[in-house]
Amino acid sequence: MDEGEFMRRTREFGKRVARVCDALSRQRSADAIARQQVRSGLSVGAGYRAACRAKSGRDMTAKLAVEEEADESVHWLEMLVERGILPAARLRALIQEGNQIVAMTAKTLRKRFGRS
């Protein structure tokens, strides 16, 4: 997958996460999860975009916190399901996309920088 396609996917992931959060009820727990989810979900695309403009390998590695942000986003999506706030069927594709972003980013880091 090329840089432009991955940039599009990470941006779309953030938009989908934001839509999920906008649709949540105003329960205290749902609201707390939504705040965390929006922050991490929207950071995925921004982080990848910054990594694409890194000035060095070390700079790129530092900016590829995309892996951590995507993984955190998956955590919060799973929490919404486990708390019964949203049904698993509604979030299954978004969770899968988040896990794919984590896997692709981890693979890139291992391949380019020998990170395990």
PDB file of N, CA and C in Angstrom:
ATOM      1  N   MET A   1       0.846  -1.171   0.000  1.00  0.00           N
ATOM      2  CA  MET A   1       0.000   0.000   0.000  1.00  0.00           C
ATOM      3  C   MET A   1       0.894   1.236   0.000  1.00  0.00           C
ATOM      4  N   ASP A   2       0.542   2.200  -0.816  1.00  0.00           N
ATOM      5  CA  ASP A   2       1.381   3.392  -0.889  1.00  0.00           C
ATOM      6  C   ASP A   2       1.011   4.402   0.205  1.00  0.00           C
ATOM      7  N   GLU A   3       1.860   5.402   0.336  1.00  0.00           N
ATOM      8  CA  GLU A   3       1.714   6.415   1.381  1.00  0.00           C
ATOM      9  C   GLU A   3       0.368   7.126   1.301  1.00  0.00           C
ATOM     10  N   GLY A   4      -0.046   7.490   0.098  1.00  0.00           N
ATOM     11  CA  GLY A   4      -1.309   8.207  -0.070  1.00  0.00           C
ATOM     12  C   GLY A   4      -2.511   7.373   0.357  1.00  0.00           C
ATOM     13  N   GLU A   5      -2.501   6.096   0.024  1.00  0.00           N
ATOM     14  CA  GLU A   5      -3.599   5.209   0.405  1.00  0.00           C
ATOM     15  C   GLU A   5      -3.646   5.023   1.920  1.00  0.00           C
ATOM     16  N   PHE A   6      -2.481   4.848   2.534  1.00  0.00           N
ATOM     17  CA  PHE A   6      -2.466   4.681   3.992  1.00  0.00           C
ATOM     18  C   PHE A   6      -2.900   5.977   4.677  1.00  0.00           C
ATOM     19  N   MET A   7      -2.516   7.106   4.133  1.00  0.00           N
ATOM     20  CA  MET A   7      -2.934   8.391   4.686  1.00  0.00           C
ATOM     21  C   MET A   7      -4.462   8.514   4.617  1.00  0.00           C
ATOM     22  N   ARG A   8      -5.029   8.092   3.488  1.00  0.00           N
ATOM     23  CA  ARG A   8      -6.489   8.141   3.324  1.00  0.00           C
ATOM     24  C   ARG A   8      -7.163   7.222   4.343  1.00  0.00           C
ATOM     25  N   ARG A   9      -6.616   6.021   4.516  1.00  0.00           N
ATOM     26  CA  ARG A   9      -7.219   5.061   5.451  1.00  0.00           C
ATOM     27  C   ARG A   9      -7.155   5.557   6.887  1.00  0.00           C
ATOM     28  N   THR A  10      -6.043   6.150   7.286  1.00  0.00           N
ATOM     29  CA  THR A  10      -5.938   6.635   8.662  1.00  0.00           C
ATOM     30  C   THR A  10      -6.865   7.835   8.889  1.00  0.00           C
ATOM     31  N   ARG A  11      -7.009   8.679   7.890  1.00  0.00           N
ATOM     32  CA  ARG A  11      -7.927   9.819   8.002  1.00  0.00           C
ATOM     33  C   ARG A  11      -9.379   9.328   8.086  1.00  0.00           C
ATOM     34  N   GLU A  12      -9.725   8.364   7.247  1.00  0.00           N
ATOM     35  CA  GLU A  12     -11.071   7.794   7.257  1.00  0.00           C
ATOM     36  C   GLU A  12     -11.359   7.105   8.593  1.00  0.00           C
ATOM     37  N   PHE A  13     -10.352   6.418   9.140  1.00  0.00           N
ATOM     38  CA  PHE A  13     -10.512   5.783  10.449  1.00  0.00           C
ATOM     39  C   PHE A  13     -10.906   6.833  11.492  1.00  0.00           C
ATOM     40  N   GLY A  14     -10.219   7.955  11.511  1.00  0.00           N
ATOM     41  CA  GLY A  14     -10.537   9.031  12.455  1.00  0.00           C
ATOM     42  C   GLY A  14     -11.941   9.564  12.273  1.00  0.00           C
ATOM     43  N   LYS A  15     -12.362   9.733  11.032  1.00  0.00           N
ATOM     44  CA  LYS A  15     -13.712  10.230  10.768  1.00  0.00           C
ATOM     45  C   LYS A  15     -14.765   9.238  11.242  1.00  0.00           C
ATOM     46  N   ARG A  16     -14.504   7.959  11.025  1.00  0.00           N
ATOM     47  CA  ARG A  16     -15.458   6.935  11.465  1.00  0.00           C
ATOM     48  C   ARG A  16     -15.530   6.881  12.985  1.00  0.00           C
ATOM     49  N   VAL A  17     -14.386   6.986  13.642  1.00  0.00           N
ATOM     50  CA  VAL A  17     -14.356   7.008  15.110  1.00  0.00           C
ATOM     51  C   VAL A  17     -15.154   8.202  15.623  1.00  0.00           C
ATOM     52  N   ALA A  18     -14.968   9.356  15.020  1.00  0.00           N
ATOM     53  CA  ALA A  18     -15.685  10.564  15.450  1.00  0.00           C
ATOM     54  C   ALA A  18     -17.199  10.381  15.289  1.00  0.00           C
ATOM     55  N   ARG A  19     -17.627   9.764  14.196  1.00  0.00           N
ATOM     56  CA  ARG A  19     -19.064   9.519  13.994  1.00  0.00           C
ATOM     57  C   ARG A  19     -19.628   8.604  15.083  1.00  0.00           C
ATOM     58  N   VAL A  20     -18.872   7.570  15.438  1.00  0.00           N
ATOM     59  CA  VAL A  20     -19.315   6.676  16.512  1.00  0.00           C
ATOM     60  C   VAL A  20     -19.472   7.467  17.804  1.00  0.00           C
ATOM     61  N   CYS A  21     -18.488   8.278  18.126  1.00  0.00           N
ATOM     62  CA  CYS A  21     -18.521   9.043  19.373  1.00  0.00           C
ATOM     63  C   CYS A  21     -19.651  10.061  19.386  1.00  0.00           C
ATOM     64  N   ASP A  22     -19.911  10.684  18.246  1.00  0.00           N
ATOM     65  CA  ASP A  22     -21.006  11.650  18.162  1.00  0.00           C
ATOM     66  C   ASP A  22     -22.364  10.992  18.405  1.00  0.00           C
ATOM     67  N   ALA A  23     -22.465   9.706  18.099  1.00  0.00           N
ATOM     68  CA  ALA A  23     -23.732   8.995  18.237  1.00  0.00           C
ATOM     69  C   ALA A  23     -23.942   8.399  19.634  1.00  0.00           C
ATOM     70  N   LEU A  24     -22.939   8.475  20.499  1.00  0.00           N
ATOM     71  CA  LEU A  24     -23.060   7.867  21.824  1.00  0.00           C
ATOM     72  C   LEU A  24     -24.033   8.625  22.710  1.00  0.00           C
ATOM     73  N   SER A  25     -24.611   7.882  23.652  1.00  0.00           N
ATOM     74  CA  SER A  25     -25.502   8.503  24.628  1.00  0.00           C
ATOM     75  C   SER A  25     -24.682   9.401  25.548  1.00  0.00           C
ATOM     76  N   ARG A  26     -25.362  10.139  26.371  1.00  0.00           N
ATOM     77  CA  ARG A  26     -24.683  11.048  27.291  1.00  0.00           C
ATOM     78  C   ARG A  26     -24.478  10.414  28.671  1.00  0.00           C
ATOM     79  N   GLN A  27     -24.407   9.091  28.736  1.00  0.00           N
ATOM     80  CA  GLN A  27     -24.082   8.423  29.991  1.00  0.00           C
ATOM     81  C   GLN A  27     -22.677   8.843  30.402  1.00  0.00           C
ATOM     82  N   ARG A  28     -22.440   8.875  31.696  1.00  0.00           N
ATOM     83  CA  ARG A  28     -21.133   9.287  32.200  1.00  0.00           C
ATOM     84  C   ARG A  28     -20.009   8.436  31.617  1.00  0.00           C
ATOM     85  N   SER A  29     -20.166   7.107  31.621  1.00  0.00           N
ATOM     86  CA  SER A  29     -19.097   6.234  31.117  1.00  0.00           C
ATOM     87  C   SER A  29     -18.934   6.380  29.608  1.00  0.00           C
ATOM     88  N   ALA A  30     -20.031   6.487  28.882  1.00  0.00           N
ATOM     89  CA  ALA A  30     -19.944   6.648  27.432  1.00  0.00           C
ATOM     90  C   ALA A  30     -19.256   7.962  27.083  1.00  0.00           C
ATOM     91  N   ASP A  31     -19.540   8.991  27.845  1.00  0.00           N
ATOM     92  CA  ASP A  31     -18.931  10.296  27.605  1.00  0.00           C
ATOM     93  C   ASP A  31     -17.424  10.259  27.862  1.00  0.00           C
ATOM     94  N   ALA A  32     -17.020   9.577  28.932  1.00  0.00           N
ATOM     95  CA  ALA A  32     -15.587   9.463  29.254  1.00  0.00           C
ATOM     96  C   ALA A  32     -14.856   8.668  28.169  1.00  0.00           C
ATOM     97  N   ILE A  33     -15.450   7.580  27.733  1.00  0.00           N
ATOM     98  CA  ILE A  33     -14.843   6.774  26.673  1.00  0.00           C
ATOM     99  C   ILE A  33     -14.780   7.586  25.374  1.00  0.00           C
ATOM    100  N   ALA A  34     -15.833   8.312  25.071  1.00  0.00           N
ATOM    101  CA  ALA A  34     -15.868   9.105  23.837  1.00  0.00           C
ATOM    102  C   ALA A  34     -14.755  10.138  23.808  1.00  0.00           C
ATOM    103  N   ARG A  35     -14.494  10.798  24.934  1.00  0.00           N
ATOM    104  CA  ARG A  35     -13.413  11.791  24.969  1.00  0.00           C
ATOM    105  C   ARG A  35     -12.070  11.148  24.644  1.00  0.00           C
ATOM    106  N   GLN A  36     -11.799  10.009  25.251  1.00  0.00           N
ATOM    107  CA  GLN A  36     -10.546   9.301  24.988  1.00  0.00           C
ATOM    108  C   GLN A  36     -10.497   8.794  23.544  1.00  0.00           C
ATOM    109  N   GLN A  37     -11.621   8.261  23.096  1.00  0.00           N
ATOM    110  CA  GLN A  37     -11.702   7.672  21.762  1.00  0.00           C
ATOM    111  C   GLN A  37     -11.483   8.718  20.673  1.00  0.00           C
ATOM    112  N   VAL A  38     -12.115   9.853  20.816  1.00  0.00           N
ATOM    113  CA  VAL A  38     -11.948  10.915  19.817  1.00  0.00           C
ATOM    114  C   VAL A  38     -10.496  11.355  19.747  1.00  0.00           C
ATOM    115  N   ARG A  39      -9.865  11.535  20.899  1.00  0.00           N
ATOM    116  CA  ARG A  39      -8.474  11.967  20.925  1.00  0.00           C
ATOM    117  C   ARG A  39      -7.573  10.959  20.226  1.00  0.00           C
ATOM    118  N   SER A  40      -7.682   9.698  20.604  1.00  0.00           N
ATOM    119  CA  SER A  40      -6.789   8.697  20.004  1.00  0.00           C
ATOM    120  C   SER A  40      -7.149   8.418  18.550  1.00  0.00           C
ATOM    121  N   GLY A  41      -8.430   8.326  18.232  1.00  0.00           N
ATOM    122  CA  GLY A  41      -8.847   8.015  16.867  1.00  0.00           C
ATOM    123  C   GLY A  41      -8.451   9.082  15.860  1.00  0.00           C
ATOM    124  N   LEU A  42      -8.599  10.345  16.247  1.00  0.00           N
ATOM    125  CA  LEU A  42      -8.225  11.427  15.337  1.00  0.00           C
ATOM    126  C   LEU A  42      -6.714  11.603  15.245  1.00  0.00           C
ATOM    127  N   SER A  43      -5.991  11.154  16.254  1.00  0.00           N
ATOM    128  CA  SER A  43      -4.530  11.281  16.244  1.00  0.00           C
ATOM    129  C   SER A  43      -3.858  10.330  15.271  1.00  0.00           C
ATOM    130  N   VAL A  44      -4.536   9.256  14.899  1.00  0.00           N
ATOM    131  CA  VAL A  44      -3.934   8.266  14.005  1.00  0.00           C
ATOM    132  C   VAL A  44      -3.549   8.903  12.673  1.00  0.00           C
ATOM    133  N   GLY A  45      -4.486   9.560  12.030  1.00  0.00           N
ATOM    134  CA  GLY A  45      -4.205  10.189  10.738  1.00  0.00           C
ATOM    135  C   GLY A  45      -3.212  11.330  10.847  1.00  0.00           C
ATOM    136  N   ALA A  46      -3.352  12.137  11.882  1.00  0.00           N
ATOM    137  CA  ALA A  46      -2.431  13.260  12.068  1.00  0.00           C
ATOM    138  C   ALA A  46      -1.007  12.771  12.314  1.00  0.00           C
ATOM    139  N   GLY A  47      -0.882  11.714  13.100  1.00  0.00           N
ATOM    140  CA  GLY A  47       0.439  11.159  13.384  1.00  0.00           C
ATOM    141  C   GLY A  47       1.097  10.571  12.147  1.00  0.00           C
ATOM    142  N   TYR A  48       0.313   9.866  11.349  1.00  0.00           N
ATOM    143  CA  TYR A  48       0.880   9.282  10.136  1.00  0.00           C
ATOM    144  C   TYR A  48       1.305  10.384   9.176  1.00  0.00           C
ATOM    145  N   ARG A  49       0.499  11.409   9.061  1.00  0.00           N
ATOM    146  CA  ARG A  49       0.834  12.528   8.182  1.00  0.00           C
ATOM    147  C   ARG A  49       2.150  13.182   8.616  1.00  0.00           C
ATOM    148  N   ALA A  50       2.313  13.355   9.921  1.00  0.00           N
ATOM    149  CA  ALA A  50       3.557  13.931  10.440  1.00  0.00           C
ATOM    150  C   ALA A  50       4.738  13.007  10.169  1.00  0.00           C
ATOM    151  N   ALA A  51       4.539  11.706  10.314  1.00  0.00           N
ATOM    152  CA  ALA A  51       5.618  10.743  10.063  1.00  0.00           C
ATOM    153  C   ALA A  51       6.066  10.779   8.607  1.00  0.00           C
ATOM    154  N   CYS A  52       5.133  11.019   7.709  1.00  0.00           N
ATOM    155  CA  CYS A  52       5.468  11.082   6.279  1.00  0.00           C
ATOM    156  C   CYS A  52       6.378  12.268   5.964  1.00  0.00           C
ATOM    157  N   ARG A  53       6.376  13.260   6.828  1.00  0.00           N
ATOM    158  CA  ARG A  53       7.196  14.441   6.602  1.00  0.00           C
ATOM    159  C   ARG A  53       8.397  14.496   7.549  1.00  0.00           C
ATOM    160  N   ALA A  54       8.711  13.365   8.143  1.00  0.00           N
ATOM    161  CA  ALA A  54       9.839  13.301   9.082  1.00  0.00           C
ATOM    162  C   ALA A  54      11.146  13.640   8.383  1.00  0.00           C
ATOM    163  N   LYS A  55      12.050  14.210   9.127  1.00  0.00           N
ATOM    164  CA  LYS A  55      13.330  14.646   8.575  1.00  0.00           C
ATOM    165  C   LYS A  55      14.423  13.581   8.674  1.00  0.00           C
ATOM    166  N   SER A  56      14.171  12.529   9.460  1.00  0.00           N
ATOM    167  CA  SER A  56      15.156  11.458   9.617  1.00  0.00           C
ATOM    168  C   SER A  56      14.435  10.181  10.035  1.00  0.00           C
ATOM    169  N   GLY A  57      15.171   9.081  10.012  1.00  0.00           N
ATOM    170  CA  GLY A  57      14.602   7.816  10.466  1.00  0.00           C
ATOM    171  C   GLY A  57      14.190   7.867  11.925  1.00  0.00           C
ATOM    172  N   ARG A  58      15.010   8.492  12.745  1.00  0.00           N
ATOM    173  CA  ARG A  58      14.704   8.623  14.173  1.00  0.00           C
ATOM    174  C   ARG A  58      13.449   9.480  14.374  1.00  0.00           C
ATOM    175  N   ASP A  59      13.341  10.557  13.613  1.00  0.00           N
ATOM    176  CA  ASP A  59      12.174  11.429  13.679  1.00  0.00           C
ATOM    177  C   ASP A  59      10.925  10.659  13.257  1.00  0.00           C
ATOM    178  N   MET A  60      11.047   9.860  12.194  1.00  0.00           N
ATOM    179  CA  MET A  60       9.909   9.086  11.717  1.00  0.00           C
ATOM    180  C   MET A  60       9.472   8.071  12.779  1.00  0.00           C
ATOM    181  N   THR A  61      10.428   7.401  13.386  1.00  0.00           N
ATOM    182  CA  THR A  61      10.101   6.423  14.420  1.00  0.00           C
ATOM    183  C   THR A  61       9.343   7.089  15.557  1.00  0.00           C
ATOM    184  N   ALA A  62       9.795   8.249  15.966  1.00  0.00           N
ATOM    185  CA  ALA A  62       9.140   8.978  17.051  1.00  0.00           C
ATOM    186  C   ALA A  62       7.722   9.377  16.671  1.00  0.00           C
ATOM    187  N   LYS A  63       7.533   9.755  15.424  1.00  0.00           N
ATOM    188  CA  LYS A  63       6.216  10.217  14.978  1.00  0.00           C
ATOM    189  C   LYS A  63       5.270   9.072  14.639  1.00  0.00           C
ATOM    190  N   LEU A  64       5.794   7.879  14.513  1.00  0.00           N
ATOM    191  CA  LEU A  64       4.925   6.748  14.212  1.00  0.00           C
ATOM    192  C   LEU A  64       4.269   6.195  15.478  1.00  0.00           C
ATOM    193  N   ALA A  65       3.870   7.095  16.348  1.00  0.00           N
ATOM    194  CA  ALA A  65       3.063   6.719  17.504  1.00  0.00           C
ATOM    195  C   ALA A  65       1.678   6.323  17.022  1.00  0.00           C
ATOM    196  N   VAL A  66       1.485   6.373  15.715  1.00  0.00           N
ATOM    197  CA  VAL A  66       0.237   5.942  15.086  1.00  0.00           C
ATOM    198  C   VAL A  66      -0.131   4.546  15.582  1.00  0.00           C
ATOM    199  N   GLU A  67       0.868   3.699  15.711  1.00  0.00           N
ATOM    200  CA  GLU A  67       0.634   2.330  16.183  1.00  0.00           C
ATOM    201  C   GLU A  67      -0.018   2.357  17.564  1.00  0.00           C
ATOM    202  N   GLU A  68       0.518   3.149  18.456  1.00  0.00           N
ATOM    203  CA  GLU A  68      -0.020   3.233  19.814  1.00  0.00           C
ATOM    204  C   GLU A  68      -1.406   3.865  19.830  1.00  0.00           C
ATOM    205  N   GLU A  69      -1.595   4.914  19.052  1.00  0.00           N
ATOM    206  CA  GLU A  69      -2.895   5.591  19.010  1.00  0.00           C
ATOM    207  C   GLU A  69      -3.970   4.682  18.426  1.00  0.00           C
ATOM    208  N   ALA A  70      -3.637   3.960  17.366  1.00  0.00           N
ATOM    209  CA  ALA A  70      -4.608   3.041  16.766  1.00  0.00           C
ATOM    210  C   ALA A  70      -4.949   1.919  17.742  1.00  0.00           C
ATOM    211  N   ASP A  71      -3.942   1.408  18.445  1.00  0.00           N
ATOM    212  CA  ASP A  71      -4.188   0.358  19.423  1.00  0.00           C
ATOM    213  C   ASP A  71      -5.057   0.877  20.565  1.00  0.00           C
ATOM    214  N   GLU A  72      -4.809   2.085  21.004  1.00  0.00           N
ATOM    215  CA  GLU A  72      -5.644   2.677  22.049  1.00  0.00           C
ATOM    216  C   GLU A  72      -7.080   2.851  21.552  1.00  0.00           C
ATOM    217  N   SER A  73      -7.224   3.262  20.306  1.00  0.00           N
ATOM    218  CA  SER A  73      -8.562   3.416  19.726  1.00  0.00           C
ATOM    219  C   SER A  73      -9.310   2.091  19.726  1.00  0.00           C
ATOM    220  N   VAL A  74      -8.616   1.030  19.355  1.00  0.00           N
ATOM    221  CA  VAL A  74      -9.237  -0.301  19.368  1.00  0.00           C
ATOM    222  C   VAL A  74      -9.667  -0.654  20.793  1.00  0.00           C
ATOM    223  N   HIS A  75      -8.815  -0.342  21.753  1.00  0.00           N
ATOM    224  CA  HIS A  75      -9.158  -0.607  23.163  1.00  0.00           C
ATOM    225  C   HIS A  75     -10.479   0.071  23.527  1.00  0.00           C
ATOM    226  N   TRP A  76     -10.624   1.346  23.195  1.00  0.00           N
ATOM    227  CA  TRP A  76     -11.838   2.076  23.567  1.00  0.00           C
ATOM    228  C   TRP A  76     -13.057   1.555  22.804  1.00  0.00           C
ATOM    229  N   LEU A  77     -12.876   1.163  21.559  1.00  0.00           N
ATOM    230  CA  LEU A  77     -13.992   0.568  20.805  1.00  0.00           C
ATOM    231  C   LEU A  77     -14.442  -0.738  21.462  1.00  0.00           C
ATOM    232  N   GLU A  78     -13.473  -1.547  21.854  1.00  0.00           N
ATOM    233  CA  GLU A  78     -13.799  -2.803  22.540  1.00  0.00           C
ATOM    234  C   GLU A  78     -14.492  -2.528  23.876  1.00  0.00           C
ATOM    235  N   MET A  79     -14.082  -1.478  24.552  1.00  0.00           N
ATOM    236  CA  MET A  79     -14.711  -1.112  25.816  1.00  0.00           C
ATOM    237  C   MET A  79     -16.181  -0.732  25.606  1.00  0.00           C
ATOM    238  N   LEU A  80     -16.476  -0.042  24.522  1.00  0.00           N
ATOM    239  CA  LEU A  80     -17.866   0.301  24.219  1.00  0.00           C
ATOM    240  C   LEU A  80     -18.714  -0.958  24.058  1.00  0.00           C
ATOM    241  N   VAL A  81     -18.144  -1.970  23.427  1.00  0.00           N
ATOM    242  CA  VAL A  81     -18.856  -3.236  23.243  1.00  0.00           C
ATOM    243  C   VAL A  81     -19.000  -3.955  24.583  1.00  0.00           C
ATOM    244  N   GLU A  82     -17.899  -4.070  25.323  1.00  0.00           N
ATOM    245  CA  GLU A  82     -17.912  -4.810  26.580  1.00  0.00           C
ATOM    246  C   GLU A  82     -18.821  -4.180  27.627  1.00  0.00           C
ATOM    247  N   ARG A  83     -18.958  -2.883  27.595  1.00  0.00           N
ATOM    248  CA  ARG A  83     -19.855  -2.185  28.534  1.00  0.00           C
ATOM    249  C   ARG A  83     -21.303  -2.235  28.066  1.00  0.00           C
ATOM    250  N   GLY A  84     -21.537  -2.759  26.860  1.00  0.00           N
ATOM    251  CA  GLY A  84     -22.896  -2.844  26.339  1.00  0.00           C
ATOM    252  C   GLY A  84     -23.429  -1.516  25.833  1.00  0.00           C
ATOM    253  N   ILE A  85     -22.537  -0.571  25.580  1.00  0.00           N
ATOM    254  CA  ILE A  85     -22.960   0.748  25.101  1.00  0.00           C
ATOM    255  C   ILE A  85     -23.315   0.685  23.623  1.00  0.00           C
ATOM    256  N   LEU A  86     -22.549  -0.091  22.858  1.00  0.00           N
ATOM    257  CA  LEU A  86     -22.839  -0.321  21.441  1.00  0.00           C
ATOM    258  C   LEU A  86     -22.691  -1.810  21.137  1.00  0.00           C
ATOM    259  N   PRO A  87     -23.471  -2.298  20.177  1.00  0.00           N
ATOM    260  CA  PRO A  87     -23.367  -3.723  19.826  1.00  0.00           C
ATOM    261  C   PRO A  87     -22.090  -4.022  19.043  1.00  0.00           C
ATOM    262  N   ALA A  88     -21.559  -5.209  19.263  1.00  0.00           N
ATOM    263  CA  ALA A  88     -20.324  -5.635  18.590  1.00  0.00           C
ATOM    264  C   ALA A  88     -20.460  -5.546  17.074  1.00  0.00           C
ATOM    265  N   ALA A  89     -21.608  -5.913  16.546  1.00  0.00           N
ATOM    266  CA  ALA A  89     -21.806  -5.904  15.093  1.00  0.00           C
ATOM    267  C   ALA A  89     -21.609  -4.506  14.511  1.00  0.00           C
ATOM    268  N   ARG A  90     -21.965  -3.493  15.253  1.00  0.00           N
ATOM    269  CA  ARG A  90     -21.827  -2.121  14.758  1.00  0.00           C
ATOM    270  C   ARG A  90     -20.367  -1.680  14.675  1.00  0.00           C
ATOM    271  N   LEU A  91     -19.522  -2.219  15.550  1.00  0.00           N
ATOM    272  CA  LEU A  91     -18.136  -1.768  15.617  1.00  0.00           C
ATOM    273  C   LEU A  91     -17.134  -2.758  15.027  1.00  0.00           C
ATOM    274  N   ARG A  92     -17.594  -3.929  14.625  1.00  0.00           N
ATOM    275  CA  ARG A  92     -16.681  -4.985  14.161  1.00  0.00           C
ATOM    276  C   ARG A  92     -15.742  -4.496  13.049  1.00  0.00           C
ATOM    277  N   ALA A  93     -16.283  -3.876  12.008  1.00  0.00           N
ATOM    278  CA  ALA A  93     -15.447  -3.430  10.881  1.00  0.00           C
ATOM    279  C   ALA A  93     -14.460  -2.343  11.308  1.00  0.00           C
ATOM    280  N   LEU A  94     -14.886  -1.457  12.182  1.00  0.00           N
ATOM    281  CA  LEU A  94     -14.002  -0.382  12.641  1.00  0.00           C
ATOM    282  C   LEU A  94     -12.879  -0.940  13.521  1.00  0.00           C
ATOM    283  N   ILE A  95     -13.205  -1.907  14.355  1.00  0.00           N
ATOM    284  CA  ILE A  95     -12.177  -2.563  15.171  1.00  0.00           C
ATOM    285  C   ILE A  95     -11.184  -3.293  14.269  1.00  0.00           C
ATOM    286  N   GLN A  96     -11.681  -3.963  13.244  1.00  0.00           N
ATOM    287  CA  GLN A  96     -10.793  -4.659  12.303  1.00  0.00           C
ATOM    288  C   GLN A  96      -9.872  -3.669  11.588  1.00  0.00           C
ATOM    289  N   GLU A  97     -10.415  -2.544  11.169  1.00  0.00           N
ATOM    290  CA  GLU A  97      -9.594  -1.535  10.502  1.00  0.00           C
ATOM    291  C   GLU A  97      -8.519  -1.005  11.449  1.00  0.00           C
ATOM    292  N   GLY A  98      -8.880  -0.742  12.692  1.00  0.00           N
ATOM    293  CA  GLY A  98      -7.897  -0.291  13.677  1.00  0.00           C
ATOM    294  C   GLY A  98      -6.794  -1.315  13.871  1.00  0.00           C
ATOM    295  N   ASN A  99      -7.166  -2.577  13.968  1.00  0.00           N
ATOM    296  CA  ASN A  99      -6.162  -3.634  14.124  1.00  0.00           C
ATOM    297  C   ASN A  99      -5.270  -3.749  12.893  1.00  0.00           C
ATOM    298  N   GLN A 100      -5.821  -3.545  11.710  1.00  0.00           N
ATOM    299  CA  GLN A 100      -5.003  -3.568  10.490  1.00  0.00           C
ATOM    300  C   GLN A 100      -4.013  -2.417  10.468  1.00  0.00           C
ATOM    301  N   ILE A 101      -4.445  -1.239  10.896  1.00  0.00           N
ATOM    302  CA  ILE A 101      -3.548  -0.082  10.956  1.00  0.00           C
ATOM    303  C   ILE A 101      -2.416  -0.355  11.937  1.00  0.00           C
ATOM    304  N   VAL A 102      -2.735  -0.941  13.090  1.00  0.00           N
ATOM    305  CA  VAL A 102      -1.704  -1.305  14.069  1.00  0.00           C
ATOM    306  C   VAL A 102      -0.707  -2.269  13.433  1.00  0.00           C
ATOM    307  N   ALA A 103      -1.210  -3.306  12.781  1.00  0.00           N
ATOM    308  CA  ALA A 103      -0.341  -4.325  12.186  1.00  0.00           C
ATOM    309  C   ALA A 103       0.542  -3.748  11.081  1.00  0.00           C
ATOM    310  N   MET A 104      -0.034  -2.925  10.222  1.00  0.00           N
ATOM    311  CA  MET A 104       0.752  -2.351   9.118  1.00  0.00           C
ATOM    312  C   MET A 104       1.821  -1.401   9.641  1.00  0.00           C
ATOM    313  N   THR A 105       1.494  -0.622  10.656  1.00  0.00           N
ATOM    314  CA  THR A 105       2.467   0.306  11.227  1.00  0.00           C
ATOM    315  C   THR A 105       3.588  -0.462  11.922  1.00  0.00           C
ATOM    316  N   ALA A 106       3.221  -1.482  12.679  1.00  0.00           N
ATOM    317  CA  ALA A 106       4.244  -2.298  13.361  1.00  0.00           C
ATOM    318  C   ALA A 106       5.167  -2.961  12.340  1.00  0.00           C
ATOM    319  N   LYS A 107       4.600  -3.449  11.262  1.00  0.00           N
ATOM    320  CA  LYS A 107       5.404  -4.096  10.213  1.00  0.00           C
ATOM    321  C   LYS A 107       6.373  -3.091   9.588  1.00  0.00           C
ATOM    322  N   THR A 108       5.897  -1.887   9.334  1.00  0.00           N
ATOM    323  CA  THR A 108       6.751  -0.840   8.769  1.00  0.00           C
ATOM    324  C   THR A 108       7.900  -0.527   9.712  1.00  0.00           C
ATOM    325  N   LEU A 109       7.607  -0.392  10.988  1.00  0.00           N
ATOM    326  CA  LEU A 109       8.656  -0.081  11.968  1.00  0.00           C
ATOM    327  C   LEU A 109       9.687  -1.201  12.034  1.00  0.00           C
ATOM    328  N   ARG A 110       9.221  -2.447  12.032  1.00  0.00           N
ATOM    329  CA  ARG A 110      10.168  -3.577  12.067  1.00  0.00           C
ATOM    330  C   ARG A 110      11.014  -3.616  10.817  1.00  0.00           C
ATOM    331  N   LYS A 111      10.385  -3.426   9.672  1.00  0.00           N
ATOM    332  CA  LYS A 111      11.087  -3.520   8.387  1.00  0.00           C
ATOM    333  C   LYS A 111      12.115  -2.407   8.225  1.00  0.00           C
ATOM    334  N   ARG A 112      11.723  -1.192   8.530  1.00  0.00           N
ATOM    335  CA  ARG A 112      12.607  -0.047   8.301  1.00  0.00           C
ATOM    336  C   ARG A 112      13.627   0.176   9.393  1.00  0.00           C
ATOM    337  N   PHE A 113      13.244  -0.135  10.613  1.00  0.00           N
ATOM    338  CA  PHE A 113      14.094   0.274  11.728  1.00  0.00           C
ATOM    339  C   PHE A 113      14.483  -0.858  12.654  1.00  0.00           C
ATOM    340  N   GLY A 114      14.158  -2.085  12.289  1.00  0.00           N
ATOM    341  CA  GLY A 114      14.550  -3.226  13.093  1.00  0.00           C
ATOM    342  C   GLY A 114      13.875  -3.280  14.449  1.00  0.00           C
ATOM    343  N   ARG A 115      12.788  -2.547  14.606  1.00  0.00           N
ATOM    344  CA  ARG A 115      12.071  -2.539  15.874  1.00  0.00           C
ATOM    345  C   ARG A 115      11.251  -3.818  15.984  1.00  0.00           C
ATOM    346  N   SER A 116      11.195  -4.396  17.179  1.00  0.00           N
ATOM    347  CA  SER A 116      10.387  -5.609  17.349  1.00  0.00           C
ATOM    348  C   SER A 116       9.195  -5.363  18.231  1.00  0.00           C
TER     349      SER A 116
END
